[in-house]
């Protein structure tokens, strides 16, 4: 199902008070039967604030696209993964929206004014225990397709993914994988040769559910 940009704007500018959930199969499940929390797991209450920008842009053919990044491989917790532009809040940020816009400017060169970026609202916040961040997805719409340039130290490439890949009924590929000695099973969205999983996939799944609601 192709999602037209005009239709996406019409739906997303009216966010419901209760957001729909993403598909259940996107949530990682441990295959060893153990719980997620261990003695070294940080407390969610102590997590540091962070934000990502979920930016919807118009494609050349009028299809709705969302801006994603493939992270540069630097050996960190999320090295090489697909994510939204974003990062931790800084003391000089006015609010969490300012964090998301600043990080997008730094990582992909977003000129929010030139692209006519409008903030719609926020999607469901999520906690990343491994890096101890509480992340707010800031949903925004660009009136014009921005000219984006990846920051070479942080971004391997920029992916403008069609929203049709994330609506209900779109293909979800189930993967079994061991990460940091933990055997996992989780669903991924296959897009442009990449496997999008984890928190990024769940945000995209919620976005897709909003478009179909």
Protein backbone atom coordinates (compact mmCIF):
# COMPACT_ATOMS: atom_id res chain seq x y z
CA UNK A 1 0.00 0.00 0.00
CA UNK A 2 1.62 3.24 -1.13
CA UNK A 3 1.24 6.01 1.46
CA UNK A 4 0.87 9.38 -0.24
CA UNK A 5 2.55 12.31 1.47
CA UNK A 6 -0.63 14.41 1.47
CA UNK A 7 -2.59 11.58 3.11
CA UNK A 8 0.13 11.06 5.73
CA UNK A 9 0.12 14.74 6.62
CA UNK A 10 -3.66 14.74 6.94
CA UNK A 11 -3.64 11.77 9.32
CA UNK A 12 -0.60 12.65 11.40
CA UNK A 13 -1.61 16.25 12.07
CA UNK A 14 -4.46 14.84 14.19
CA UNK A 15 -2.75 12.49 16.65
CA UNK A 16 -5.20 10.56 18.85
CA UNK A 17 -4.96 10.94 22.65
CA UNK A 18 -4.13 7.23 22.93
CA UNK A 19 -1.52 5.98 20.47
CA UNK A 20 -1.95 2.57 18.83
CA UNK A 21 0.64 -0.10 19.70
CA UNK A 22 3.25 -1.41 17.25
CA UNK A 23 3.06 -5.07 16.12
CA UNK A 24 3.85 -7.49 18.95
CA UNK A 25 6.38 -9.46 16.91
CA UNK A 26 8.74 -6.48 16.82
CA UNK A 27 9.44 -6.82 20.56
CA UNK A 28 12.63 -8.86 21.20
CA UNK A 29 12.14 -12.05 23.21
CA UNK A 30 14.88 -13.88 25.13
CA UNK A 31 15.16 -17.51 24.06
CA UNK A 32 16.94 -18.64 27.23
CA UNK A 33 13.91 -17.99 29.45
CA UNK A 34 15.76 -15.50 31.66
CA UNK A 35 14.54 -12.04 32.57
CA UNK A 36 15.82 -8.82 31.10
CA UNK A 37 17.08 -7.25 34.32
CA UNK A 38 20.40 -8.33 35.80
CA UNK A 39 22.56 -7.00 38.64
CA UNK A 40 24.24 -4.51 36.28
CA UNK A 41 21.02 -3.22 34.69
CA UNK A 42 20.55 0.50 35.42
CA UNK A 43 17.32 1.81 36.91
CA UNK A 44 14.91 3.39 34.42
CA UNK A 45 14.32 6.27 36.84
CA UNK A 46 17.99 7.24 36.45
CA UNK A 47 17.96 7.19 32.64
CA UNK A 48 19.24 10.26 30.81
CA UNK A 49 16.84 12.16 28.51
CA UNK A 50 17.33 11.86 24.76
CA UNK A 51 15.30 12.48 21.61
CA UNK A 52 15.06 11.27 18.02
CA UNK A 53 13.46 13.06 15.09
CA UNK A 54 10.84 11.06 13.19
CA UNK A 55 10.75 13.24 10.08
CA UNK A 56 8.22 12.66 7.28
CA UNK A 57 9.23 14.15 3.93
CA UNK A 58 7.67 14.18 0.43
CA UNK A 59 9.23 11.99 -2.23
CA UNK A 60 9.66 13.18 -5.81
CA UNK A 61 6.61 11.13 -6.83
CA UNK A 62 4.45 12.29 -3.92
CA UNK A 63 5.05 9.21 -1.76
CA UNK A 64 5.61 9.73 1.97
CA UNK A 65 9.14 8.96 3.20
CA UNK A 66 10.71 8.83 6.66
CA UNK A 67 14.33 9.81 7.30
CA UNK A 68 16.52 7.09 8.84
CA UNK A 69 20.26 6.67 9.29
CA UNK A 70 22.58 3.70 9.21
CA UNK A 71 25.01 4.37 12.03
CA UNK A 72 28.74 4.35 11.37
CA UNK A 73 30.51 1.26 12.75
CA UNK A 74 32.50 2.60 15.67
CA UNK A 75 32.24 -0.29 18.12
CA UNK A 76 29.56 1.25 20.39
CA UNK A 77 26.33 -0.31 21.65
CA UNK A 78 24.32 0.74 18.58
CA UNK A 79 27.11 0.71 15.99
CA UNK A 80 25.89 -0.18 12.49
CA UNK A 81 22.20 -0.17 13.46
CA UNK A 82 19.41 1.71 11.69
CA UNK A 83 18.01 4.57 13.72
CA UNK A 84 16.43 8.00 13.54
CA UNK A 85 18.64 11.08 13.79
CA UNK A 86 18.93 11.83 17.48
CA UNK A 87 20.91 11.73 20.68
CA UNK A 88 21.14 12.84 24.29
CA UNK A 89 19.78 16.13 25.57
CA UNK A 90 22.32 18.88 26.24
CA UNK A 91 22.07 21.59 28.93
CA UNK A 92 21.66 24.33 26.30
CA UNK A 93 18.66 22.63 24.62
CA UNK A 94 15.46 24.57 25.31
CA UNK A 95 13.40 21.36 25.38
CA UNK A 96 13.28 17.83 23.97
CA UNK A 97 12.12 19.13 20.56
CA UNK A 98 15.21 21.34 20.42
CA UNK A 99 17.31 18.25 21.18
CA UNK A 100 15.80 16.33 18.26
CA UNK A 101 16.25 19.22 15.81
CA UNK A 102 19.82 19.92 16.94
CA UNK A 103 20.82 16.28 16.61
CA UNK A 104 19.24 16.08 13.14
CA UNK A 105 21.18 19.16 12.07
CA UNK A 106 24.41 17.63 13.38
CA UNK A 107 23.91 14.10 12.01
CA UNK A 108 22.23 14.67 8.63
CA UNK A 109 22.61 18.41 8.04
CA UNK A 110 18.89 19.16 8.36
CA UNK A 111 17.99 22.83 7.78
CA UNK A 112 14.59 22.83 9.48
CA UNK A 113 13.66 26.32 8.24
CA UNK A 114 14.56 25.65 4.61
CA UNK A 115 12.60 22.36 4.65
CA UNK A 116 9.58 23.91 6.36
CA UNK A 117 9.66 21.47 9.26
CA UNK A 118 6.55 21.41 11.46
CA UNK A 119 6.43 19.59 14.79
CA UNK A 120 3.36 17.34 15.13
CA UNK A 121 3.85 15.86 18.59
CA UNK A 122 5.60 12.98 20.30
CA UNK A 123 5.21 9.22 19.99
CA UNK A 124 5.60 6.65 22.77
CA UNK A 125 8.78 7.14 24.79
CA UNK A 126 11.11 4.19 25.21
CA UNK A 127 13.95 3.22 27.52
CA UNK A 128 17.27 1.78 26.32
CA UNK A 129 18.80 -0.06 29.32
CA UNK A 130 22.13 -0.84 27.64
CA UNK A 131 22.90 2.87 27.21
CA UNK A 132 20.56 4.15 29.97
CA UNK A 133 18.61 6.64 27.85
CA UNK A 134 14.90 7.54 28.02
CA UNK A 135 14.15 8.53 24.43
CA UNK A 136 11.32 10.74 23.15
CA UNK A 137 10.44 10.28 19.44
CA UNK A 138 9.55 13.75 18.13
CA UNK A 139 7.24 13.47 15.12
CA UNK A 140 7.66 16.17 12.45
CA UNK A 141 6.63 16.88 8.86
CA UNK A 142 8.73 18.67 6.23
CA UNK A 143 6.84 20.73 3.67
CA UNK A 144 9.77 20.32 1.25
CA UNK A 145 12.19 17.45 0.76
CA UNK A 146 15.37 18.50 2.58
CA UNK A 147 18.90 18.29 1.24
CA UNK A 148 20.61 15.94 3.71
CA UNK A 149 24.31 15.21 4.18
CA UNK A 150 25.57 12.48 6.55
CA UNK A 151 28.08 13.39 9.25
CA UNK A 152 30.88 10.95 8.40
CA UNK A 153 31.87 10.25 12.01
CA UNK A 154 28.32 9.23 12.96
CA UNK A 155 26.33 8.23 9.88
CA UNK A 156 27.31 5.68 7.24
CA UNK A 157 24.36 6.58 5.03
CA UNK A 158 20.96 8.26 5.05
CA UNK A 159 17.90 6.20 4.09
CA UNK A 160 14.63 7.86 3.05
CA UNK A 161 12.34 4.87 3.54
CA UNK A 162 8.80 4.79 2.09
CA UNK A 163 6.20 4.65 4.86
CA UNK A 164 4.45 1.76 3.08
CA UNK A 165 7.11 -0.53 4.58
CA UNK A 166 5.71 0.05 8.09
CA UNK A 167 1.91 0.01 7.77
CA UNK A 168 -0.05 -2.98 9.13
CA UNK A 169 0.41 -5.97 6.85
CA UNK A 170 3.86 -4.90 5.65
CA UNK A 171 6.44 -7.73 5.71
CA UNK A 172 8.09 -8.45 9.07
CA UNK A 173 11.00 -10.90 9.03
CA UNK A 174 11.65 -12.92 12.20
CA UNK A 175 15.32 -13.24 13.21
CA UNK A 176 17.08 -15.45 15.77
CA UNK A 177 20.35 -13.90 16.87
CA UNK A 178 22.74 -13.84 19.83
CA UNK A 179 23.67 -10.34 21.01
CA UNK A 180 26.12 -9.87 23.88
CA UNK A 181 25.70 -13.56 24.77
CA UNK A 182 21.88 -13.24 24.91
CA UNK A 183 19.89 -15.43 22.47
CA UNK A 184 17.08 -13.33 21.00
CA UNK A 185 14.17 -13.61 18.60
CA UNK A 186 12.70 -10.44 17.14
CA UNK A 187 10.91 -9.06 14.11
CA UNK A 188 12.58 -6.77 11.59
CA UNK A 189 11.41 -4.53 8.78
CA UNK A 190 13.50 -5.32 5.66
CA UNK A 191 14.17 -2.04 3.85
CA UNK A 192 16.81 -1.26 1.22
CA UNK A 193 19.03 -4.17 2.20
CA UNK A 194 18.81 -3.31 5.90
CA UNK A 195 17.08 -5.04 8.81
CA UNK A 196 15.36 -2.46 11.03
CA UNK A 197 14.71 -3.81 14.51
CA UNK A 198 14.49 -2.86 18.18
CA UNK A 199 13.19 0.49 19.34
CA UNK A 200 13.46 2.03 15.87
CA UNK A 201 11.25 -0.69 14.40
CA UNK A 202 8.69 -0.29 17.17
CA UNK A 203 8.47 3.47 16.61
CA UNK A 204 7.98 2.84 12.89
CA UNK A 205 5.36 0.21 13.65
CA UNK A 206 3.46 2.68 15.80
CA UNK A 207 3.76 5.29 13.05
CA UNK A 208 2.38 2.78 10.53
CA UNK A 209 -0.52 1.96 12.84
CA UNK A 210 -1.33 5.67 13.10
CA UNK A 211 -1.48 5.95 9.32
CA UNK A 212 -3.85 3.00 9.06
CA UNK A 213 -6.03 3.86 12.07
